[in-house]
Amino acid sequence: MEFLLYLLLGALVAAFGTLIGAGGGIIFVPLFLFMFPWSPAMITGTSLAIVFCNAASGTVAYMRQKRIHYEAAVLFAVCTLPGAILGAILTDYFSGALFKLTFGSFLTLLSLFILWQNRRKKATRVEHTDTHFAYSKPLGCAISFVVGFISSIFGIGGGVIHVPAMIYLLGFPTHIATATSHFVLAVSALFGVATHAVAGHIHWPLAIVFGLGSIVGAQIGARLAKRVQGPIIINLLALALLLLGLRLVLLV
């Protein structure tokens, strides 16, 4: 019974995470904090293993839809790797209360920033799915390093930062940003998972069950993304971050 419950939960979380381009980590981490008496490092490592399954499956779906900006995806993925390895190493230094407070505050502030930017730029942003446009590569690389670090230290998948940063700072269309972010997330999560695995931070039985569910859910989320307008995706992302962030802060 628990196996089916975890499988379904993994699919639902992954579907939503793929839809907003953030991976399911923003939900898996607080969910595991509520469900299991694990250390922050174990929660982070296990979540990141599931996020990798989610991101890899979602990337395959987005490749079929031809919505990935491959030049940016490869460049950003390479830049996330040092940050991902560093973040995985530093997770052992977080206590439970500090982890909840830091992670919750981060999600809350990020959600408010996204809502503010979406409201401010809604009137001027033009959505398209063309992958031929200019963007700042140095800025993209700097953002990607930070994304890799935060993804690995919190186990959330860096899409919660990468997607809004690609849209508002680099000028990516929303649907291209979510798809490209998934490619980057898959690469970053792979290296983060490897580092966490060496450190013994992954609960493999649950990671496998949730991971199987997330593979199916990611395919569903990618199909839904084609039918949902960009501003709606952004608002869903911000709302999810706000609710989870406030909940974690209140737990401290």
Protein backbone atom coordinates (compact mmCIF):
# COMPACT_ATOMS: atom_id res chain seq x y z
CA MET A 1 0.00 0.00 0.00
CA GLU A 2 2.77 2.41 0.91
CA PHE A 3 4.56 1.53 -2.34
CA LEU A 4 1.53 2.59 -4.42
CA LEU A 5 1.04 5.73 -2.34
CA TYR A 6 4.66 6.82 -2.80
CA LEU A 7 4.50 5.94 -6.50
CA LEU A 8 1.39 8.09 -7.02
CA LEU A 9 2.80 10.91 -4.91
CA GLY A 10 6.00 10.88 -6.95
CA ALA A 11 4.02 11.09 -10.18
CA LEU A 12 1.85 14.00 -8.99
CA VAL A 13 4.77 16.02 -7.66
CA ALA A 14 6.84 15.40 -10.78
CA ALA A 15 3.97 16.40 -13.08
CA PHE A 16 3.65 19.75 -11.32
CA GLY A 17 7.41 20.23 -11.10
CA THR A 18 7.86 19.56 -14.81
CA LEU A 19 5.00 21.89 -15.70
CA ILE A 20 6.68 24.82 -13.94
CA GLY A 21 10.19 23.77 -15.01
CA ALA A 22 11.50 23.49 -11.46
CA GLY A 23 11.62 19.76 -10.90
CA GLY A 24 9.79 18.23 -7.94
CA GLY A 25 12.40 19.07 -5.32
CA ILE A 26 10.61 22.17 -4.08
CA ILE A 27 7.84 19.84 -2.92
CA PHE A 28 9.80 16.68 -2.11
CA VAL A 29 12.11 18.42 0.38
CA PRO A 30 9.38 19.92 2.63
CA LEU A 31 7.33 16.73 2.16
CA PHE A 32 10.20 14.61 3.46
CA LEU A 33 10.75 17.06 6.31
CA PHE A 34 7.16 16.40 7.40
CA MET A 35 7.16 12.63 6.76
CA PHE A 36 10.55 11.28 7.85
CA PRO A 37 12.88 11.94 10.84
CA TRP A 38 15.93 12.21 8.60
CA SER A 39 18.94 14.51 8.73
CA PRO A 40 18.97 17.48 6.31
CA ALA A 41 21.74 15.75 4.34
CA MET A 42 19.65 12.56 3.88
CA ILE A 43 16.58 14.57 2.84
CA THR A 44 18.63 16.60 0.38
CA GLY A 45 20.39 13.63 -1.19
CA THR A 46 17.24 11.51 -1.52
CA SER A 47 15.25 14.39 -2.97
CA LEU A 48 17.98 15.16 -5.49
CA ALA A 49 18.04 11.52 -6.65
CA ILE A 50 14.31 11.74 -7.36
CA VAL A 51 14.74 15.13 -9.01
CA PHE A 52 17.26 13.58 -11.39
CA CYS A 53 14.69 10.98 -12.50
CA ASN A 54 12.11 13.73 -12.89
CA ALA A 55 14.44 16.01 -14.84
CA ALA A 56 15.80 13.28 -17.12
CA SER A 57 12.30 12.12 -18.04
CA GLY A 58 11.07 15.68 -18.55
CA THR A 59 14.08 16.49 -20.72
CA VAL A 60 13.29 13.61 -23.07
CA ALA A 61 9.72 14.89 -23.42
CA TYR A 62 10.88 18.47 -24.09
CA MET A 63 13.42 17.23 -26.65
CA ARG A 64 10.57 15.66 -28.60
CA GLN A 65 8.73 19.00 -28.48
CA LYS A 66 11.86 20.83 -29.78
CA ARG A 67 11.67 23.44 -27.01
CA ILE A 68 15.22 23.17 -25.61
CA HIS A 69 17.82 25.85 -26.42
CA TYR A 70 20.73 23.40 -26.71
CA GLU A 71 23.58 25.93 -26.86
CA ALA A 72 22.44 27.56 -23.62
CA ALA A 73 21.53 24.21 -22.06
CA VAL A 74 25.00 22.72 -22.53
CA LEU A 75 26.78 25.92 -21.46
CA PHE A 76 24.65 26.38 -18.35
CA ALA A 77 24.88 22.69 -17.44
CA VAL A 78 28.69 22.81 -17.43
CA CYS A 79 28.63 25.92 -15.24
CA THR A 80 26.36 24.28 -12.65
CA LEU A 81 28.75 21.40 -11.95
CA PRO A 82 31.24 23.11 -9.57
CA GLY A 83 28.34 24.58 -7.59
CA ALA A 84 26.54 21.22 -7.43
CA ILE A 85 29.59 19.45 -6.03
CA LEU A 86 30.29 22.24 -3.50
CA GLY A 87 26.67 22.28 -2.30
CA ALA A 88 26.62 18.51 -1.75
CA ILE A 89 29.77 18.73 0.38
CA LEU A 90 28.39 21.54 2.58
CA THR A 91 25.04 19.89 3.44
CA ASP A 92 26.59 18.09 6.44
CA TYR A 93 27.03 21.46 8.17
CA PHE A 94 23.28 22.23 8.34
CA SER A 95 21.23 21.47 11.46
CA GLY A 96 17.52 20.64 11.11
CA ALA A 97 16.22 24.00 12.37
CA LEU A 98 18.75 26.03 10.39
CA PHE A 99 17.92 24.06 7.24
CA LYS A 100 14.17 24.71 7.59
CA LEU A 101 14.66 28.41 8.35
CA THR A 102 17.15 29.02 5.54
CA PHE A 103 15.25 27.00 2.96
CA GLY A 104 11.86 28.43 3.94
CA SER A 105 13.10 32.03 3.87
CA PHE A 106 14.75 31.45 0.51
CA LEU A 107 11.55 30.07 -1.04
CA THR A 108 9.39 32.86 0.40
CA LEU A 109 11.61 35.68 -0.86
CA LEU A 110 12.01 34.05 -4.26
CA SER A 111 8.24 33.65 -4.66
CA LEU A 112 7.61 37.32 -3.86
CA PHE A 113 10.27 38.37 -6.38
CA ILE A 114 8.71 36.22 -9.10
CA LEU A 115 5.20 37.56 -8.44
CA TRP A 116 6.48 41.14 -8.52
CA GLN A 117 8.39 40.62 -11.75
CA ASN A 118 5.52 38.80 -13.43
CA ARG A 119 3.11 41.61 -12.60
CA ARG A 120 5.60 44.31 -13.65
CA LYS A 121 6.51 42.74 -16.98
CA LYS A 122 3.25 41.08 -17.97
CA ALA A 123 2.26 43.95 -20.23
CA THR A 124 5.56 44.04 -22.14
CA ARG A 125 6.63 40.38 -22.34
CA VAL A 126 6.05 38.67 -25.70
CA GLU A 127 5.84 34.88 -25.55
CA HIS A 128 7.18 32.77 -28.40
CA THR A 129 8.88 29.41 -28.84
CA ASP A 130 11.69 30.47 -31.19
CA THR A 131 15.12 29.38 -29.91
CA HIS A 132 17.02 32.03 -31.90
CA PHE A 133 17.57 35.07 -29.65
CA ALA A 134 20.45 36.84 -27.91
CA TYR A 135 21.33 36.46 -24.22
CA SER A 136 24.29 37.24 -21.94
CA LYS A 137 26.48 34.13 -21.69
CA PRO A 138 28.68 35.43 -18.81
CA LEU A 139 25.60 36.30 -16.75
CA GLY A 140 24.03 32.96 -17.63
CA CYS A 141 27.14 31.11 -16.45
CA ALA A 142 27.26 33.03 -13.16
CA ILE A 143 23.59 32.31 -12.51
CA SER A 144 24.13 28.64 -13.36
CA PHE A 145 26.91 28.24 -10.80
CA VAL A 146 24.59 29.60 -8.09
CA VAL A 147 21.80 27.36 -9.38
CA GLY A 148 24.01 24.28 -9.12
CA PHE A 149 25.04 25.18 -5.57
CA ILE A 150 21.52 25.84 -4.28
CA SER A 151 20.14 22.82 -6.12
CA SER A 152 22.62 20.51 -4.43
CA ILE A 153 22.66 22.02 -0.94
CA PHE A 154 18.84 22.08 -0.67
CA GLY A 155 18.07 19.09 -2.91
CA ILE A 156 15.38 21.02 -4.78
CA GLY A 157 16.55 21.18 -8.36
CA GLY A 158 17.76 24.57 -9.55
CA GLY A 159 14.75 25.30 -11.75
CA VAL A 160 13.18 27.47 -9.05
CA ILE A 161 16.00 29.94 -9.68
CA HIS A 162 16.95 29.13 -13.25
CA VAL A 163 13.48 29.56 -14.77
CA PRO A 164 12.77 33.07 -13.39
CA ALA A 165 16.40 34.12 -13.98
CA MET A 166 16.29 32.95 -17.59
CA ILE A 167 13.00 34.75 -18.16
CA TYR A 168 13.67 38.04 -16.38
CA LEU A 169 17.45 38.45 -16.53
CA LEU A 170 18.35 36.64 -19.77
CA GLY A 171 15.21 37.28 -21.82
CA PHE A 172 14.17 33.67 -22.52
CA PRO A 173 10.54 32.95 -23.49
CA THR A 174 8.79 31.10 -20.66
CA HIS A 175 8.25 27.81 -22.51
CA ILE A 176 11.86 27.72 -23.74
CA ALA A 177 13.12 28.57 -20.24
CA THR A 178 11.21 25.73 -18.57
CA ALA A 179 12.40 23.17 -21.14
CA THR A 180 16.03 24.34 -21.16
CA SER A 181 16.06 24.47 -17.37
CA HIS A 182 15.05 20.81 -17.27
CA PHE A 183 18.03 19.82 -19.40
CA VAL A 184 20.39 21.76 -17.12
CA LEU A 185 18.71 20.34 -14.04
CA ALA A 186 19.22 16.76 -15.23
CA VAL A 187 22.97 17.29 -15.66
CA SER A 188 23.40 19.23 -12.41
CA ALA A 189 21.34 16.73 -10.42
CA LEU A 190 23.36 13.81 -11.80
CA PHE A 191 26.63 15.20 -10.42
CA GLY A 192 24.97 16.27 -7.17
CA VAL A 193 23.51 12.78 -6.72
CA ALA A 194 26.90 11.18 -7.34
CA THR A 195 28.49 13.34 -4.64
CA HIS A 196 25.64 12.68 -2.17
CA ALA A 197 25.82 8.94 -2.91
CA VAL A 198 29.51 8.81 -2.05
CA ALA A 199 28.75 10.62 1.23
CA GLY A 200 25.92 8.17 2.05
CA HIS A 201 23.18 10.80 1.90
CA ILE A 202 20.60 8.83 -0.16
CA HIS A 203 17.81 6.55 1.12
CA TRP A 204 17.80 4.30 -1.95
CA PRO A 205 14.55 2.31 -1.43
CA LEU A 206 12.41 5.45 -1.23
CA ALA A 207 14.45 7.25 -3.89
CA ILE A 208 13.74 4.40 -6.33
CA VAL A 209 10.00 4.25 -5.60
CA PHE A 210 9.48 8.02 -5.82
CA GLY A 211 11.83 8.12 -8.80
CA LEU A 212 9.74 5.61 -10.77
CA GLY A 213 6.63 7.68 -10.13
CA SER A 214 8.40 10.88 -11.11
CA ILE A 215 9.45 9.43 -14.48
CA VAL A 216 5.79 8.96 -15.40
CA GLY A 217 4.71 12.26 -13.87
CA ALA A 218 7.33 14.22 -15.79
CA GLN A 219 5.88 13.01 -19.10
CA ILE A 220 2.43 14.19 -18.01
CA GLY A 221 3.76 17.57 -16.87
CA ALA A 222 5.59 18.19 -20.15
CA ARG A 223 2.40 17.54 -22.12
CA LEU A 224 0.40 19.85 -19.88
CA ALA A 225 3.02 22.59 -20.32
CA LYS A 226 2.19 22.85 -24.03
CA ARG A 227 -1.39 23.80 -23.16
CA VAL A 228 -0.74 26.31 -20.36
CA GLN A 229 0.13 29.96 -20.99
CA GLY A 230 3.49 31.32 -19.78
CA PRO A 231 2.18 33.78 -17.14
CA ILE A 232 0.03 31.04 -15.61
CA ILE A 233 3.07 28.75 -15.28
CA ILE A 234 5.00 31.56 -13.57
CA ASN A 235 2.18 32.28 -11.12
CA LEU A 236 1.85 28.58 -10.27
CA LEU A 237 5.58 28.43 -9.58
CA ALA A 238 5.45 31.49 -7.32
CA LEU A 239 2.39 30.27 -5.41
CA ALA A 240 3.97 26.87 -4.74
CA LEU A 241 7.15 28.49 -3.47
CA LEU A 242 5.29 30.93 -1.22
CA LEU A 243 3.13 28.30 0.47
CA LEU A 244 6.00 25.89 1.05
CA GLY A 245 8.36 28.62 2.23
CA LEU A 246 5.94 30.00 4.80
CA ARG A 247 5.10 26.51 6.03
CA LEU A 248 8.76 25.67 6.65
CA VAL A 249 9.49 28.95 8.44
CA LEU A 250 6.50 28.40 10.74
CA LEU A 251 7.84 24.94 11.67
CA VAL A 252 11.03 26.37 13.20
